[in-house]
Amino acid sequence: MGKRTNPARPVARSDLNDLEERVYRLEQQIRCAAQCGHRFSVATITPEFGEPTHGLRCCLCGLEIET
């Protein structure tokens, strides 16, 4: 295998925290999907931070997923 010419940049603690939060939310969505049997419809999602975006909302439990 070839030698790396571009070393990976150091990862900031805030990046790791953001990633951990995203993983946690995905785990919650997977658990909910297993229990709910989601029926999704297209919706405008307003994330905790940032601008409203397109996404999916479950008609049964209200789970929102950004797309």
N, C-alpha and C. Protein backbone atom coordinates (compact mmCIF):
# COMPACT_ATOMS: atom_id res chain seq x y z
N MET A 1 0.84 -1.18 0.00
CA MET A 1 0.00 0.00 0.00
C MET A 1 0.88 1.24 0.00
N GLY A 2 0.41 2.31 -0.60
CA GLY A 2 1.19 3.53 -0.71
C GLY A 2 1.27 4.31 0.58
N LYS A 3 2.26 5.15 0.64
CA LYS A 3 2.46 6.00 1.81
C LYS A 3 1.46 7.15 1.79
N ARG A 4 0.91 7.50 2.94
CA ARG A 4 -0.04 8.63 3.01
C ARG A 4 0.73 9.93 2.83
N THR A 5 0.21 10.74 1.94
CA THR A 5 0.86 12.03 1.71
C THR A 5 0.16 13.16 2.44
N ASN A 6 -1.05 12.91 2.89
CA ASN A 6 -1.84 13.93 3.55
C ASN A 6 -2.32 13.40 4.90
N PRO A 7 -1.64 13.72 5.99
CA PRO A 7 -2.08 13.18 7.28
C PRO A 7 -3.46 13.70 7.65
N ALA A 8 -4.20 12.89 8.38
CA ALA A 8 -5.54 13.29 8.82
C ALA A 8 -5.44 14.50 9.73
N ARG A 9 -6.41 15.38 9.61
CA ARG A 9 -6.42 16.56 10.48
C ARG A 9 -6.87 16.14 11.87
N PRO A 10 -6.39 16.82 12.88
CA PRO A 10 -6.85 16.51 14.25
C PRO A 10 -8.36 16.78 14.36
N VAL A 11 -9.04 15.99 15.14
CA VAL A 11 -10.48 16.13 15.31
C VAL A 11 -10.74 16.96 16.56
N ALA A 12 -11.52 18.01 16.39
CA ALA A 12 -11.86 18.88 17.51
C ALA A 12 -12.87 18.18 18.42
N ARG A 13 -12.82 18.47 19.69
CA ARG A 13 -13.75 17.87 20.66
C ARG A 13 -15.19 18.20 20.31
N SER A 14 -15.43 19.41 19.80
CA SER A 14 -16.80 19.78 19.43
C SER A 14 -17.31 18.93 18.27
N ASP A 15 -16.41 18.56 17.33
CA ASP A 15 -16.79 17.67 16.23
C ASP A 15 -17.19 16.30 16.76
N LEU A 16 -16.43 15.81 17.74
CA LEU A 16 -16.75 14.51 18.34
C LEU A 16 -18.08 14.57 19.08
N ASN A 17 -18.32 15.67 19.79
CA ASN A 17 -19.59 15.82 20.50
C ASN A 17 -20.76 15.84 19.53
N ASP A 18 -20.61 16.56 18.40
CA ASP A 18 -21.66 16.61 17.40
C ASP A 18 -21.92 15.22 16.82
N LEU A 19 -20.85 14.49 16.54
CA LEU A 19 -20.98 13.15 15.99
C LEU A 19 -21.67 12.21 16.99
N GLU A 20 -21.28 12.30 18.26
CA GLU A 20 -21.92 11.48 19.29
C GLU A 20 -23.41 11.78 19.39
N GLU A 21 -23.77 13.05 19.28
CA GLU A 21 -25.18 13.44 19.34
C GLU A 21 -25.95 12.88 18.15
N ARG A 22 -25.36 12.93 16.96
CA ARG A 22 -26.02 12.39 15.77
C ARG A 22 -26.21 10.89 15.88
N VAL A 23 -25.19 10.20 16.38
CA VAL A 23 -25.28 8.74 16.56
C VAL A 23 -26.39 8.42 17.56
N TYR A 24 -26.46 9.17 18.65
CA TYR A 24 -27.48 8.96 19.67
C TYR A 24 -28.88 9.12 19.06
N ARG A 25 -29.07 10.20 18.26
CA ARG A 25 -30.37 10.42 17.64
C ARG A 25 -30.73 9.29 16.68
N LEU A 26 -29.75 8.82 15.90
CA LEU A 26 -30.02 7.71 14.99
C LEU A 26 -30.40 6.44 15.75
N GLU A 27 -29.72 6.18 16.86
CA GLU A 27 -30.06 5.02 17.68
C GLU A 27 -31.51 5.13 18.17
N GLN A 28 -31.90 6.33 18.60
CA GLN A 28 -33.28 6.54 19.07
C GLN A 28 -34.26 6.30 17.93
N GLN A 29 -33.93 6.77 16.72
CA GLN A 29 -34.82 6.58 15.57
C GLN A 29 -34.97 5.10 15.24
N ILE A 30 -33.88 4.35 15.33
CA ILE A 30 -33.93 2.93 15.02
C ILE A 30 -34.79 2.20 16.05
N ARG A 31 -34.62 2.54 17.33
CA ARG A 31 -35.44 1.92 18.38
C ARG A 31 -36.92 2.22 18.16
N CYS A 32 -37.20 3.47 17.83
CA CYS A 32 -38.59 3.89 17.61
C CYS A 32 -39.16 3.17 16.39
N ALA A 33 -38.37 3.04 15.32
CA ALA A 33 -38.84 2.38 14.11
C ALA A 33 -39.21 0.93 14.40
N ALA A 34 -38.44 0.28 15.25
CA ALA A 34 -38.71 -1.11 15.59
C ALA A 34 -40.03 -1.24 16.36
N GLN A 35 -40.39 -0.23 17.12
CA GLN A 35 -41.60 -0.29 17.94
C GLN A 35 -42.82 0.27 17.22
N CYS A 36 -42.63 1.24 16.37
CA CYS A 36 -43.74 2.01 15.82
C CYS A 36 -44.25 1.47 14.48
N GLY A 37 -43.36 1.00 13.60
CA GLY A 37 -43.77 0.62 12.25
C GLY A 37 -44.11 1.86 11.44
N HIS A 38 -43.22 2.83 11.44
CA HIS A 38 -43.44 4.17 10.89
C HIS A 38 -44.19 4.22 9.57
N ARG A 39 -44.95 5.28 9.44
CA ARG A 39 -45.55 5.69 8.17
C ARG A 39 -45.11 7.13 7.98
N PHE A 40 -44.20 7.33 7.04
CA PHE A 40 -43.63 8.66 6.86
C PHE A 40 -44.35 9.44 5.77
N SER A 41 -44.39 10.75 5.97
CA SER A 41 -44.86 11.67 4.93
C SER A 41 -43.82 12.79 4.81
N VAL A 42 -43.79 13.42 3.65
CA VAL A 42 -42.86 14.52 3.43
C VAL A 42 -43.30 15.70 4.27
N ALA A 43 -42.34 16.37 4.90
CA ALA A 43 -42.66 17.49 5.79
C ALA A 43 -41.52 18.50 5.79
N THR A 44 -41.82 19.68 6.27
CA THR A 44 -40.78 20.68 6.52
C THR A 44 -40.33 20.47 7.96
N ILE A 45 -39.04 20.20 8.12
CA ILE A 45 -38.46 19.92 9.43
C ILE A 45 -37.70 21.15 9.91
N THR A 46 -37.91 21.52 11.14
CA THR A 46 -37.15 22.61 11.73
C THR A 46 -36.16 22.01 12.72
N PRO A 47 -34.89 21.90 12.32
CA PRO A 47 -33.90 21.30 13.22
C PRO A 47 -33.64 22.18 14.43
N GLU A 48 -33.01 21.59 15.43
CA GLU A 48 -32.69 22.31 16.65
C GLU A 48 -31.84 23.54 16.34
N PHE A 49 -30.90 23.37 15.42
CA PHE A 49 -30.04 24.46 14.98
C PHE A 49 -30.12 24.55 13.47
N GLY A 50 -30.15 25.75 12.95
CA GLY A 50 -30.14 25.91 11.50
C GLY A 50 -31.49 26.24 10.92
N GLU A 51 -31.52 26.24 9.61
CA GLU A 51 -32.71 26.62 8.84
C GLU A 51 -33.66 25.43 8.66
N PRO A 52 -34.96 25.71 8.48
CA PRO A 52 -35.89 24.63 8.15
C PRO A 52 -35.45 23.93 6.87
N THR A 53 -35.71 22.65 6.80
CA THR A 53 -35.29 21.86 5.64
C THR A 53 -36.35 20.82 5.34
N HIS A 54 -36.21 20.14 4.21
CA HIS A 54 -37.15 19.08 3.86
C HIS A 54 -36.79 17.83 4.65
N GLY A 55 -37.78 17.04 4.95
CA GLY A 55 -37.54 15.82 5.68
C GLY A 55 -38.77 14.93 5.67
N LEU A 56 -38.76 13.97 6.58
CA LEU A 56 -39.86 13.04 6.71
C LEU A 56 -40.38 13.09 8.14
N ARG A 57 -41.70 12.96 8.29
CA ARG A 57 -42.31 12.94 9.62
C ARG A 57 -43.22 11.71 9.69
N CYS A 58 -43.10 10.95 10.77
CA CYS A 58 -43.95 9.78 10.96
C CYS A 58 -45.36 10.23 11.35
N CYS A 59 -46.36 9.70 10.65
CA CYS A 59 -47.75 10.05 10.94
C CYS A 59 -48.23 9.42 12.25
N LEU A 60 -47.52 8.38 12.72
CA LEU A 60 -47.95 7.68 13.94
C LEU A 60 -47.34 8.25 15.21
N CYS A 61 -46.03 8.54 15.18
CA CYS A 61 -45.38 8.96 16.43
C CYS A 61 -44.77 10.36 16.35
N GLY A 62 -44.70 10.97 15.15
CA GLY A 62 -44.17 12.32 15.02
C GLY A 62 -42.66 12.40 14.84
N LEU A 63 -41.98 11.24 14.74
CA LEU A 63 -40.53 11.24 14.53
C LEU A 63 -40.19 12.00 13.26
N GLU A 64 -39.20 12.89 13.34
CA GLU A 64 -38.78 13.67 12.19
C GLU A 64 -37.36 13.28 11.79
N ILE A 65 -37.13 13.11 10.48
CA ILE A 65 -35.82 12.78 9.96
C ILE A 65 -35.49 13.78 8.87
N GLU A 66 -34.34 14.46 9.01
CA GLU A 66 -33.89 15.37 7.97
C GLU A 66 -33.39 14.57 6.79
N THR A 67 -33.69 15.05 5.58
CA THR A 67 -33.19 14.39 4.37
C THR A 67 -32.33 15.31 3.57
